[in-house]
Each structure stands twice: as structure tokens, then as C-alpha cells.
Amino acid sequence: MEGSIRKNYYLIFNNILTYLPSRILIILNSVIIIPIFAYFLSEKQISIYLIALQILNLMCTCSFDWITKAVLRFYEKHNIKNSLNDFFSSIFWLSVVVYTIIFISYFTFKDFILEKFAVDNTSFLFTIILVLPCGIRQFLYQVLRARNQAKLYTLSILLYQLGFIVLFFAITRIIPNAHGVLFAMLVSIVAIDIYIIRSIYLNYKIERKINKKILYEILKYALPLIITNSSYWGILNYSKLIFQNMQEYMNTAITGISWMLTGNIIQPLVTVFTFASFPVIIRKFELKRLHKRYFTNILQLYCFLLIPIVSIFCYFSKEITSLILPENYKMVAAMLPFFAFGIFLHEFMKLINFKYHLKNRTYIEMLFGVLIACGAYFFNIKMISLYSVAGAAIALFISEIILVFINLFVKFRSFDYLNYTKILKTFLLIAFTGIMIFGAVHLLFIPFTANKLIYILKIAAFIISYYAVCYKFKDKILA
């Protein structure tokens, strides 16, 4: 492997390691909390919590998510220009306007949500209140990322996860339903927001006016993200909404638990690439130092590190389900491979789509997102009517494949940033390696009687062997 490529991988991997501890904490929390939901809450209460959580995600997507992404995208630019006071003043007043709109939306759409998705008024009100502390937390996290304060970011994640678990057990003893879970989330997030604000020195002066030029720049970049991310939200959540509207609460719970199990374990590892890479890429782009090889190496390393994790859910879905979920959730096993690979593709697409953010052409990504989301809605209805929960998993998987391929073929004349041949070679080599190792591990454990200990040993043998072989041949895989 060439020296410059080794240096790229070293820098990328070091950036990833700074945020990896926070991701591991999220995974550990999920391994604890998901079985607790499944064992201690009824299917309907789980379905209400899941729908409320997705409404919260949509509200954050339409409000603070696009604003905080603008913080990350333009922080370095205004830091170089020494205009951060004007930048953050514009962000502040824009946030005030947006949250006002959120509360107006609550009164406008409340009756519709309560009627269509079996969400009670208290759960919905908690969800709307949660938007503000979640938005503040996202803003603070983006500032920490821009400043590269990974330790404080990780510590805040640890404190939130511990606080949420403790409050969950304490509050659900008194309020044993979705209200208790949402209230535990609210208290935990507010506490962490206060902790981060007290821990960092935000010496920015908020002016009483918005800089029109900066506002235009933010809106041009970020407004298409509202529609884009809402479209992605729809693709990922149509099935749960359809099941909930049909009052098939068990199917909502199965679909939601499948998504939580794969999403809360894979996504934290996957998104660490975005967390670690995006600020560096932005800095290189603004300084005109962004190279095709660097960007390609990020995608290769993404495949190298993440495909083995995704493979666990594909090859050992039955073992995972029997290890942590009750018998009535056995259908989750059939959904895990589709959801796991769907999440892998979704985050892979986000990395590819950095090009739109760098060139400030996010409206192109928006158009594709809307197009696929419209098709995915009708595809979900058709597949669910034919195959129920299995149809929901297939619909998600196929939608993500289409999204990736459409975005792959968009190129800008002045921005040739990926070597597709190298990425495909890395993907195929790692996938083939996984198939061989799974076959070997399966043969090794045939003489043993199946039980939970054997399941754990089997999964451990697979993942250790997988990474060991990949590391042994890393020069060929990543070249």
C-alpha cells in the first residue's frame, strides 16, 4: 500500500477513534434498554412510544436538524472570516422562529395525529416539548464536533445514557407506560444540555438582528434538507405508521423493535464516519485541499469496518433474537438482515452525498429524496398487504438500494471525488471473506447442542475471525 494511502487511513481512523467511545456507549445502552421495552411494556405501549419517537424525529428534522447542520457546514468558513458573532446571531433568531412554528403545528395537527396513530395527547405534548432540548443538544454537539472536543462529547453521551436508564426504572415504576419513558427522556436531555452549556465557553455575542447575507446562505443550503430528510424519514418509517393506523400494534412493535435493534447498534458505528469525516472534509474543501484519494479511502474504510458488523445481523438473526427478545418477537429475526443492510446503505448514501453539501447543491439530493419517498409509500402499502411485516422490511431494503444507485450516478464536472472501482473491489472482497468465514464457523459448531452460550460463542468466533482475516489482508482489500 502506498505511503500516502497509509497516511490517509491513519488520519481517518484516528478521527473515527475519537468518537468511537461515545458510539459504543449508545450500543451498550441499547442492548440493555431494548429487551426491557420488549419484556416490560405491552405491544400497544411500545407502539405508542415508537410512533411518538418518530414524530419527535420528524419534528427535529423539520426544525433544528437542518439549522445545526448549517452550523457544522459553515462554522469553519465564518471562523476563518472572524464573523462567528453574526453567524450565531442569525442561527439564534432563526431557531426562535422555527420553534414558534413547531408549537403552532402542535395545535394544528394534534387531532389528526391522535386519531390516525393512536397516540394520546400527553404523549404528543411530551414529544413537542422534547423538540427544544433535543434541538439545543444537537446545536451543542455540532459546536463540539466543529471544535473537535470529542472527550466532552463522549462524556455527555455517557451521562445521558446512565441518566436515562436510572430515570427509566425510577419513573416507569410510578408511570408504567409510554408517558414514563418520554418523561425520563425529557429530564435526561435537559440535564445534559445544562451540563454541556456549563462545560464549554460560548463567547459569542448575540446581536438583535439577522445578517441577511448569512441567512440567505443558511437557507439556500439547509431548506432543501428539510424536504430531503423528511423524505428519508418517510422511507424509514412508513411501515410503522401504516401498521399503527391499521391498529396492528404488534406489527408496529415488531417493526419498531427490529429497527431499534439494528439501528441503535449499527447506526452509532456507521454515523461515526459522518461525525469524524465531515468536519475534516469541510476544512479540506474550504482550504482547497480535498482530494479524490482521501474521499475514496473513507468509503473503503467504511466498508472494511462496517460490513462485518452488518453481517452478524444477516447470518445470526435467529440467534440474536432468541438471545435478547421474548418469544412473541421471533418474527424480528426475519427482518433483521433487511433492516441491517438497509441502514448500511442509507449511511453509505449519506457519505456519497457529501458532494451536494460541499457544492451547496442540496436541492439535487432533495429532488431524488422526494421522488423515491413517493414511490416508497405506495410500495410499502403493496408489500405490507401481501407479506405483512416481511413486506415492510423488503420495501425498506429495495428503497435504499434505489436511493444509493441514483445518487451514485450524479457527478459534477469540477468535482470528481470518488474512485468507484476501488470501492466496489473493497466491498466484494470483504463480502466474499464474510461468506467463507461464516461457512467455516458454521461447520465448527455443528457438533455442539444449540443454546444461548453456544450462540454467543458462535457470533464471537465469527466476528473475531472476520476482522482478523480482513486485517491480515488489509493491504489488498484497501489498496
Protein backbone atom coordinates (compact mmCIF):
# COMPACT_ATOMS: atom_id res chain seq x y z
CA MET A 1 0.00 0.00 0.00
CA GLU A 2 1.36 3.42 -0.96
CA GLY A 3 2.61 5.72 1.78
CA SER A 4 0.09 8.47 1.01
CA ILE A 5 -2.78 5.98 1.23
CA ARG A 6 -1.48 4.65 4.55
CA LYS A 7 -1.36 8.21 5.84
CA ASN A 8 -4.96 8.82 4.72
CA TYR A 9 -6.18 5.69 6.50
CA TYR A 10 -4.20 6.59 9.61
CA LEU A 11 -5.76 10.08 9.77
CA ILE A 12 -9.28 8.83 9.04
CA PHE A 13 -9.01 6.02 11.59
CA ASN A 14 -7.69 8.36 14.27
CA ASN A 15 -10.62 10.72 13.69
CA ILE A 16 -13.01 7.80 14.00
CA LEU A 17 -11.41 6.59 17.24
CA THR A 18 -12.01 9.97 18.91
CA TYR A 19 -15.79 9.50 18.58
CA LEU A 20 -15.96 5.69 18.79
CA PRO A 21 -16.26 5.50 22.64
CA SER A 22 -19.46 7.58 22.54
CA ARG A 23 -20.91 5.25 19.90
CA ILE A 24 -20.07 2.15 21.98
CA LEU A 25 -21.91 3.69 24.93
CA ILE A 26 -25.03 4.13 22.81
CA ILE A 27 -24.79 0.49 21.69
CA LEU A 28 -24.42 -0.83 25.25
CA ASN A 29 -27.39 1.24 26.36
CA SER A 30 -29.49 -0.14 23.51
CA VAL A 31 -28.57 -3.74 24.34
CA ILE A 32 -29.90 -3.09 27.85
CA ILE A 33 -32.93 -0.95 27.11
CA ILE A 34 -34.47 -2.74 24.08
CA PRO A 35 -35.08 -6.06 25.90
CA ILE A 36 -36.52 -4.08 28.84
CA PHE A 37 -39.04 -2.44 26.49
CA ALA A 38 -39.95 -5.81 24.99
CA TYR A 39 -40.38 -7.60 28.33
CA PHE A 40 -41.98 -4.90 30.48
CA LEU A 41 -44.17 -2.81 28.14
CA SER A 42 -47.23 -4.04 26.29
CA GLU A 43 -47.24 -4.11 22.49
CA LYS A 44 -49.56 -1.09 22.36
CA GLN A 45 -47.43 0.98 24.76
CA ILE A 46 -44.31 0.12 22.77
CA SER A 47 -46.09 1.11 19.56
CA ILE A 48 -47.18 4.44 21.08
CA TYR A 49 -43.64 5.16 22.29
CA LEU A 50 -42.17 4.25 18.89
CA ILE A 51 -44.61 6.45 16.99
CA ALA A 52 -44.03 9.33 19.43
CA LEU A 53 -40.28 8.88 18.95
CA GLN A 54 -40.62 9.03 15.18
CA ILE A 55 -42.84 12.13 15.40
CA LEU A 56 -40.07 13.67 17.53
CA ASN A 57 -37.51 12.74 14.88
CA LEU A 58 -39.66 14.33 12.18
CA MET A 59 -40.16 17.49 14.22
CA CYS A 60 -36.41 17.74 14.83
CA THR A 61 -35.77 17.10 11.14
CA CYS A 62 -38.10 19.93 10.17
CA SER A 63 -36.80 22.32 12.83
CA PHE A 64 -33.37 22.16 14.43
CA ASP A 65 -31.69 19.40 12.45
CA TRP A 66 -31.17 21.48 9.32
CA ILE A 67 -30.12 24.50 11.38
CA THR A 68 -27.50 22.52 13.30
CA LYS A 69 -26.17 21.03 10.05
CA ALA A 70 -25.71 24.58 8.81
CA VAL A 71 -23.67 25.24 11.97
CA LEU A 72 -21.32 22.39 11.10
CA ARG A 73 -21.20 23.27 7.39
CA PHE A 74 -20.40 26.99 7.79
CA TYR A 75 -18.66 27.18 11.19
CA GLU A 76 -15.20 26.82 9.68
CA LYS A 77 -15.91 29.38 6.97
CA HIS A 78 -17.04 32.07 9.43
CA ASN A 79 -14.30 31.13 11.87
CA ILE A 80 -11.75 31.87 9.13
CA LYS A 81 -13.55 35.14 8.33
CA ASN A 82 -13.85 36.05 12.04
CA SER A 83 -17.63 36.53 11.65
CA LEU A 84 -18.94 33.94 14.13
CA ASN A 85 -20.92 36.55 16.13
CA ASP A 86 -23.05 37.41 13.09
CA PHE A 87 -23.33 33.74 12.18
CA PHE A 88 -24.56 32.57 15.59
CA SER A 89 -26.89 35.58 15.94
CA SER A 90 -28.58 34.53 12.71
CA ILE A 91 -28.75 30.93 13.93
CA PHE A 92 -30.30 32.00 17.26
CA TRP A 93 -33.10 34.14 15.81
CA LEU A 94 -33.82 31.60 13.12
CA SER A 95 -34.22 28.96 15.86
CA VAL A 96 -36.68 31.16 17.78
CA VAL A 97 -38.86 31.50 14.68
CA VAL A 98 -38.70 27.76 13.94
CA TYR A 99 -39.69 26.66 17.46
CA THR A 100 -42.65 29.05 17.38
CA ILE A 101 -43.78 27.33 14.20
CA ILE A 102 -43.40 23.93 15.91
CA PHE A 103 -45.84 24.89 18.67
CA ILE A 104 -48.32 26.26 16.14
CA SER A 105 -48.01 22.92 14.31
CA TYR A 106 -48.85 21.08 17.53
CA PHE A 107 -52.26 22.76 17.80
CA THR A 108 -52.82 22.42 14.05
CA PHE A 109 -52.09 18.69 13.66
CA LYS A 110 -52.85 17.38 17.16
CA ASP A 111 -56.29 15.95 16.40
CA PHE A 112 -55.09 14.29 13.19
CA ILE A 113 -52.17 12.56 14.95
CA LEU A 114 -54.30 11.40 17.87
CA GLU A 115 -56.96 9.96 15.59
CA LYS A 116 -54.77 8.27 12.97
CA PHE A 117 -51.93 6.79 15.04
CA ALA A 118 -53.40 6.00 18.48
CA VAL A 119 -51.04 8.46 20.18
CA ASP A 120 -52.62 10.07 23.26
CA ASN A 121 -52.49 13.81 23.89
CA THR A 122 -50.00 13.57 26.80
CA SER A 123 -47.51 11.57 24.72
CA PHE A 124 -47.85 14.00 21.86
CA LEU A 125 -47.36 17.03 24.14
CA PHE A 126 -44.24 15.45 25.68
CA THR A 127 -42.96 14.88 22.14
CA ILE A 128 -43.41 18.53 21.14
CA ILE A 129 -41.75 19.76 24.35
CA LEU A 130 -38.82 17.42 23.68
CA VAL A 131 -38.08 19.17 20.38
CA LEU A 132 -36.47 22.18 22.09
CA PRO A 133 -33.98 20.36 24.38
CA CYS A 134 -33.19 17.93 21.55
CA GLY A 135 -32.54 20.86 19.21
CA ILE A 136 -30.30 22.57 21.77
CA ARG A 137 -28.38 19.34 22.27
CA GLN A 138 -27.88 18.93 18.52
CA PHE A 139 -26.60 22.50 18.28
CA LEU A 140 -24.17 21.93 21.16
CA TYR A 141 -22.99 18.64 19.65
CA GLN A 142 -22.25 20.33 16.32
CA VAL A 143 -20.22 23.00 18.11
CA LEU A 144 -18.29 20.27 19.93
CA ARG A 145 -17.67 18.50 16.62
CA ALA A 146 -16.54 21.70 14.91
CA ARG A 147 -14.17 22.36 17.84
CA ASN A 148 -13.10 18.68 17.88
CA GLN A 149 -13.99 18.30 21.58
CA ALA A 150 -14.59 14.56 21.33
CA LYS A 151 -13.93 13.85 25.04
CA LEU A 152 -16.68 16.18 26.25
CA TYR A 153 -18.99 14.79 23.57
CA THR A 154 -18.33 11.21 24.77
CA LEU A 155 -18.75 12.13 28.44
CA SER A 156 -22.09 13.82 27.74
CA ILE A 157 -23.28 10.68 25.92
CA LEU A 158 -22.23 8.52 28.89
CA LEU A 159 -24.04 10.73 31.40
CA TYR A 160 -27.18 10.83 29.25
CA GLN A 161 -27.31 7.05 28.79
CA LEU A 162 -26.77 6.38 32.50
CA GLY A 163 -29.28 9.06 33.48
CA PHE A 164 -31.91 7.74 31.10
CA ILE A 165 -31.59 4.15 32.36
CA VAL A 166 -31.82 5.21 36.02
CA LEU A 167 -34.78 7.51 35.37
CA PHE A 168 -36.48 4.89 33.20
CA PHE A 169 -36.53 2.37 36.06
CA ALA A 170 -37.47 5.00 38.64
CA ILE A 171 -40.25 6.72 36.69
CA THR A 172 -41.81 3.68 34.99
CA ARG A 173 -42.44 2.18 38.43
CA ILE A 174 -44.79 5.10 39.00
CA ILE A 175 -45.87 5.67 35.36
CA PRO A 176 -45.56 2.23 33.68
CA ASN A 177 -46.32 3.34 30.11
CA ALA A 178 -45.07 5.48 27.23
CA HIS A 179 -45.54 8.66 29.31
CA GLY A 180 -42.94 7.47 31.80
CA VAL A 181 -40.39 6.69 29.08
CA LEU A 182 -40.86 10.07 27.39
CA PHE A 183 -40.64 11.92 30.71
CA ALA A 184 -37.39 10.09 31.52
CA MET A 185 -36.02 11.18 28.13
CA LEU A 186 -37.04 14.80 28.74
CA VAL A 187 -35.37 15.08 32.15
CA SER A 188 -32.19 13.35 30.92
CA ILE A 189 -31.79 15.52 27.83
CA VAL A 190 -32.44 18.79 29.70
CA ALA A 191 -29.85 17.81 32.32
CA ILE A 192 -27.24 17.06 29.63
CA ASP A 193 -27.94 20.33 27.80
CA ILE A 194 -27.29 22.24 31.02
CA TYR A 195 -24.12 20.23 31.67
CA ILE A 196 -22.64 20.92 28.19
CA ILE A 197 -23.52 24.63 28.31
CA ARG A 198 -21.77 24.92 31.68
CA SER A 199 -18.75 22.98 30.35
CA ILE A 200 -17.98 24.98 27.22
CA TYR A 201 -17.28 28.66 26.81
CA LEU A 202 -19.55 30.11 24.13
CA ASN A 203 -18.17 33.62 23.93
CA TYR A 204 -20.40 34.71 21.07
CA LYS A 205 -22.38 37.94 21.26
CA ILE A 206 -25.98 37.57 20.08
CA GLU A 207 -26.95 40.64 18.07
CA ARG A 208 -30.54 41.87 17.81
CA LYS A 209 -30.57 41.46 14.06
CA ILE A 210 -30.10 38.78 11.45
CA ASN A 211 -27.36 39.15 8.86
CA LYS A 212 -29.33 38.84 5.61
CA LYS A 213 -26.39 37.51 3.60
CA ILE A 214 -25.66 34.81 6.17
CA LEU A 215 -29.38 33.97 6.48
CA TYR A 216 -29.64 33.55 2.71
CA GLU A 217 -26.57 31.29 2.71
CA ILE A 218 -28.02 29.15 5.51
CA LEU A 219 -31.47 28.89 3.93
CA LYS A 220 -30.10 28.09 0.48
CA TYR A 221 -28.04 25.27 1.93
CA ALA A 222 -30.40 23.99 4.62
CA LEU A 223 -34.00 24.46 3.46
CA PRO A 224 -33.76 21.63 0.89
CA LEU A 225 -32.50 19.43 3.75
CA ILE A 226 -35.91 19.73 5.43
CA ILE A 227 -37.63 18.12 2.45
CA THR A 228 -34.76 15.69 1.85
CA ASN A 229 -34.58 14.43 5.44
CA SER A 230 -38.38 14.34 5.73
CA SER A 231 -38.38 12.12 2.62
CA TYR A 232 -35.75 9.86 4.17
CA TRP A 233 -37.77 9.81 7.38
CA GLY A 234 -40.79 8.65 5.42
CA ILE A 235 -38.87 5.86 3.68
CA LEU A 236 -37.59 4.60 7.05
CA ASN A 237 -40.91 4.91 8.92
CA TYR A 238 -43.81 4.39 6.51
CA SER A 239 -44.31 0.80 7.66
CA LYS A 240 -44.71 1.69 11.36
CA LEU A 241 -47.22 4.43 10.53
CA ILE A 242 -49.20 2.10 8.26
CA PHE A 243 -49.36 -0.65 10.90
CA GLN A 244 -50.30 1.83 13.64
CA ASN A 245 -53.05 3.34 11.51
CA MET A 246 -54.41 -0.18 10.93
CA GLN A 247 -54.27 -0.71 14.73
CA GLU A 248 -51.91 -3.66 14.24
CA TYR A 249 -49.92 -2.73 17.34
CA MET A 250 -47.93 -5.97 17.47
CA ASN A 251 -46.68 -5.40 13.91
CA THR A 252 -45.76 -1.82 14.79
CA ALA A 253 -43.85 -3.15 17.80
CA ILE A 254 -42.08 -5.86 15.77
CA THR A 255 -41.09 -3.41 13.04
CA GLY A 256 -40.01 -0.80 15.58
CA ILE A 257 -38.02 -3.24 17.72
CA SER A 258 -36.31 -4.58 14.57
CA TRP A 259 -35.40 -1.03 13.59
CA MET A 260 -34.21 -0.12 17.11
CA LEU A 261 -32.13 -3.28 17.43
CA THR A 262 -30.32 -2.84 14.12
CA GLY A 263 -30.38 0.97 14.11
CA ASN A 264 -29.20 1.50 17.68
CA ILE A 265 -26.34 -0.96 17.26
CA ILE A 266 -25.24 -0.43 13.65
CA GLN A 267 -26.09 3.25 13.18
CA PRO A 268 -23.91 4.57 16.02
CA LEU A 269 -20.92 2.82 14.43
CA VAL A 270 -21.92 3.87 10.94
CA THR A 271 -22.56 7.52 11.78
CA VAL A 272 -19.17 7.82 13.46
CA PHE A 273 -17.83 8.12 9.92
CA THR A 274 -20.02 11.14 9.32
CA PHE A 275 -19.09 12.60 12.71
CA ALA A 276 -15.38 12.08 12.17
CA SER A 277 -15.14 12.78 8.44
CA PHE A 278 -17.48 15.67 7.73
CA PRO A 279 -15.64 18.41 9.69
CA VAL A 280 -12.31 17.29 8.19
CA ILE A 281 -13.74 17.20 4.67
CA ILE A 282 -15.31 20.64 5.13
CA ARG A 283 -11.98 22.05 6.34
CA LYS A 284 -10.08 20.49 3.43
CA PHE A 285 -12.70 21.73 0.96
CA GLU A 286 -12.65 25.31 2.27
CA LEU A 287 -8.84 25.28 2.15
CA LYS A 288 -8.96 23.68 -1.34
CA ARG A 289 -7.09 20.58 -0.18
CA LEU A 290 -9.78 17.93 -0.70
CA HIS A 291 -8.50 15.04 -2.86
CA LYS A 292 -10.21 12.17 -4.64
CA ARG A 293 -7.99 9.59 -2.95
CA TYR A 294 -8.89 10.80 0.56
CA PHE A 295 -12.63 10.63 -0.10
CA THR A 296 -12.32 7.20 -1.73
CA ASN A 297 -10.31 5.89 1.24
CA ILE A 298 -13.11 6.97 3.61
CA LEU A 299 -15.65 4.83 1.70
CA GLN A 300 -13.25 1.89 1.54
CA LEU A 301 -12.58 2.04 5.27
CA TYR A 302 -16.33 2.34 5.87
CA CYS A 303 -16.87 -0.98 4.07
CA PHE A 304 -13.85 -2.55 5.77
CA LEU A 305 -15.06 -1.80 9.30
CA LEU A 306 -18.85 -1.95 8.94
CA ILE A 307 -19.63 -4.91 6.68
CA PRO A 308 -18.55 -7.44 9.37
CA ILE A 309 -20.97 -5.81 11.87
CA VAL A 310 -23.82 -5.82 9.35
CA SER A 311 -23.03 -9.46 8.51
CA ILE A 312 -23.73 -10.50 12.11
CA PHE A 313 -27.38 -9.45 11.69
CA CYS A 314 -27.57 -11.18 8.30
CA TYR A 315 -26.05 -14.52 9.34
CA PHE A 316 -27.12 -14.74 13.00
CA SER A 317 -30.52 -13.02 13.12
CA LYS A 318 -32.24 -16.00 14.78
CA GLU A 319 -29.54 -16.32 17.42
CA ILE A 320 -29.67 -12.59 18.23
CA THR A 321 -33.46 -12.61 18.53
CA SER A 322 -33.52 -15.63 20.83
CA LEU A 323 -30.76 -14.12 23.00
CA ILE A 324 -32.45 -10.84 23.88
CA LEU A 325 -36.15 -10.86 22.91
CA PRO A 326 -39.22 -12.76 24.17
CA GLU A 327 -40.84 -15.49 22.07
CA ASN A 328 -43.61 -13.24 20.70
CA TYR A 329 -40.96 -11.19 18.87
CA LYS A 330 -39.49 -14.13 16.92
CA MET A 331 -40.56 -12.52 13.62
CA VAL A 332 -37.87 -9.90 14.26
CA ALA A 333 -35.32 -12.48 13.08
CA ALA A 334 -36.70 -12.39 9.52
CA MET A 335 -36.48 -8.58 9.42
CA LEU A 336 -33.01 -8.00 10.86
CA PRO A 337 -31.00 -8.74 7.66
CA PHE A 338 -33.09 -6.33 5.57
CA PHE A 339 -33.01 -3.58 8.19
CA ALA A 340 -29.29 -4.02 8.89
CA PHE A 341 -28.24 -3.81 5.27
CA GLY A 342 -30.77 -1.04 4.68
CA ILE A 343 -29.13 1.08 7.40
CA PHE A 344 -25.68 0.33 5.97
CA LEU A 345 -26.83 1.52 2.54
CA HIS A 346 -28.57 4.60 3.97
CA GLU A 347 -25.43 5.83 5.73
CA PHE A 348 -23.27 4.87 2.74
CA MET A 349 -25.52 7.09 0.65
CA LYS A 350 -25.07 9.97 3.13
CA LEU A 351 -21.30 9.73 2.71
CA ILE A 352 -21.64 9.73 -1.07
CA ASN A 353 -23.95 12.74 -0.83
CA PHE A 354 -21.32 14.92 0.84
CA LYS A 355 -20.83 16.23 -2.71
CA TYR A 356 -24.16 18.08 -2.57
CA HIS A 357 -23.25 19.72 0.74
CA LEU A 358 -19.79 20.77 -0.41
CA LYS A 359 -21.05 22.24 -3.67
CA ASN A 360 -24.12 23.73 -1.94
CA ARG A 361 -26.40 21.78 -4.31
CA THR A 362 -28.57 20.11 -1.68
CA TYR A 363 -31.65 20.70 -3.84
CA ILE A 364 -30.49 17.87 -6.14
CA GLU A 365 -30.46 15.42 -3.22
CA MET A 366 -33.89 16.80 -2.25
CA LEU A 367 -35.40 16.02 -5.66
CA PHE A 368 -34.21 12.41 -5.55
CA GLY A 369 -35.39 12.01 -1.95
CA VAL A 370 -38.90 13.23 -2.75
CA LEU A 371 -39.13 11.04 -5.84
CA ILE A 372 -38.10 7.84 -4.04
CA ALA A 373 -40.19 8.66 -0.95
CA CYS A 374 -43.35 8.97 -3.07
CA GLY A 375 -42.70 5.64 -4.73
CA ALA A 376 -41.74 4.01 -1.42
CA TYR A 377 -45.09 4.96 0.17
CA PHE A 378 -47.13 3.06 -2.40
CA PHE A 379 -44.57 0.23 -2.49
CA ASN A 380 -44.89 -0.17 1.30
CA ILE A 381 -48.68 -0.35 1.10
CA LYS A 382 -48.46 -3.01 -1.62
CA MET A 383 -45.77 -5.09 0.09
CA ILE A 384 -47.43 -4.89 3.53
CA SER A 385 -50.75 -6.01 2.05
CA LEU A 386 -49.01 -9.03 0.53
CA TYR A 387 -46.38 -10.01 3.13
CA SER A 388 -47.18 -8.03 6.31
CA VAL A 389 -44.04 -7.25 8.39
CA ALA A 390 -41.74 -9.11 5.98
CA GLY A 391 -43.08 -6.88 3.20
CA ALA A 392 -42.19 -3.79 5.24
CA ALA A 393 -38.58 -4.96 5.55
CA ILE A 394 -38.31 -5.74 1.83
CA ALA A 395 -39.80 -2.35 0.89
CA LEU A 396 -37.24 -0.52 3.03
CA PHE A 397 -34.34 -2.52 1.62
CA ILE A 398 -35.28 -2.00 -2.04
CA SER A 399 -35.94 1.72 -1.49
CA GLU A 400 -32.44 2.16 -0.04
CA ILE A 401 -30.82 0.30 -2.95
CA ILE A 402 -32.57 2.61 -5.43
CA LEU A 403 -31.50 5.70 -3.45
CA VAL A 404 -27.84 4.65 -3.46
CA PHE A 405 -27.71 3.88 -7.17
CA ILE A 406 -29.45 7.09 -8.23
CA ASN A 407 -27.08 9.25 -6.17
CA LEU A 408 -24.02 7.32 -7.34
CA PHE A 409 -24.57 8.41 -10.92
CA VAL A 410 -24.73 12.15 -10.19
CA LYS A 411 -21.40 13.83 -10.97
CA PHE A 412 -20.24 17.44 -11.06
CA ARG A 413 -17.81 18.45 -13.79
CA SER A 414 -15.46 20.25 -11.44
CA PHE A 415 -15.72 17.73 -8.61
CA ASP A 416 -14.54 14.21 -9.40
CA TYR A 417 -14.22 12.88 -5.87
CA LEU A 418 -14.62 9.07 -5.86
CA ASN A 419 -12.92 6.06 -7.44
CA TYR A 420 -15.87 3.69 -7.79
CA THR A 421 -13.76 0.74 -8.97
CA LYS A 422 -11.69 0.73 -5.76
CA ILE A 423 -14.78 0.99 -3.54
CA LEU A 424 -16.53 -1.87 -5.36
CA LYS A 425 -13.40 -4.04 -5.14
CA THR A 426 -13.16 -3.47 -1.38
CA PHE A 427 -16.87 -4.23 -0.92
CA LEU A 428 -16.75 -7.50 -2.88
CA LEU A 429 -13.56 -8.75 -1.21
CA ILE A 430 -14.94 -8.15 2.28
CA ALA A 431 -18.34 -9.67 1.44
CA PHE A 432 -16.71 -12.79 -0.03
CA THR A 433 -14.46 -13.10 3.03
CA GLY A 434 -17.54 -12.99 5.27
CA ILE A 435 -19.26 -15.81 3.38
CA MET A 436 -16.17 -18.02 3.70
CA ILE A 437 -15.76 -17.33 7.42
CA PHE A 438 -19.45 -17.92 8.14
CA GLY A 439 -19.23 -21.29 6.41
CA ALA A 440 -16.15 -22.25 8.44
CA VAL A 441 -17.67 -21.14 11.77
CA HIS A 442 -20.93 -22.94 10.99
CA LEU A 443 -19.07 -26.21 10.35
CA LEU A 444 -17.01 -25.73 13.52
CA PHE A 445 -20.10 -25.51 15.74
CA ILE A 446 -22.19 -28.30 14.16
CA PRO A 447 -21.21 -30.88 16.88
CA PHE A 448 -22.44 -28.62 19.71
CA THR A 449 -26.00 -28.51 21.03
CA ALA A 450 -27.64 -25.15 20.34
CA ASN A 451 -28.10 -22.95 23.42
CA LYS A 452 -27.55 -19.31 24.37
CA LEU A 453 -23.91 -19.81 25.34
CA ILE A 454 -23.17 -21.51 22.00
CA TYR A 455 -24.92 -18.66 20.18
CA ILE A 456 -22.69 -16.10 21.90
CA LEU A 457 -19.52 -18.12 21.23
CA LYS A 458 -20.53 -18.64 17.60
CA ILE A 459 -21.10 -14.92 17.00
CA ALA A 460 -17.87 -14.04 18.82
CA ALA A 461 -15.87 -16.59 16.79
CA PHE A 462 -17.33 -15.20 13.57
CA ILE A 463 -16.62 -11.51 14.26
CA ILE A 464 -13.11 -12.11 15.68
CA SER A 465 -12.16 -14.34 12.74
CA TYR A 466 -13.69 -11.89 10.26
CA TYR A 467 -11.73 -8.89 11.48
CA ALA A 468 -8.56 -10.96 11.91
CA VAL A 469 -8.64 -12.14 8.28
CA CYS A 470 -9.56 -8.67 6.99
CA TYR A 471 -6.68 -7.14 8.96
CA LYS A 472 -4.28 -9.80 7.68
CA PHE A 473 -5.13 -8.93 4.06
CA LYS A 474 -5.83 -5.22 4.61
CA ASP A 475 -3.21 -4.13 2.08
CA LYS A 476 -5.01 -5.98 -0.72
CA ILE A 477 -8.51 -5.09 0.44
CA LEU A 478 -7.86 -1.37 0.92
CA ALA A 479 -5.37 -0.79 -1.89
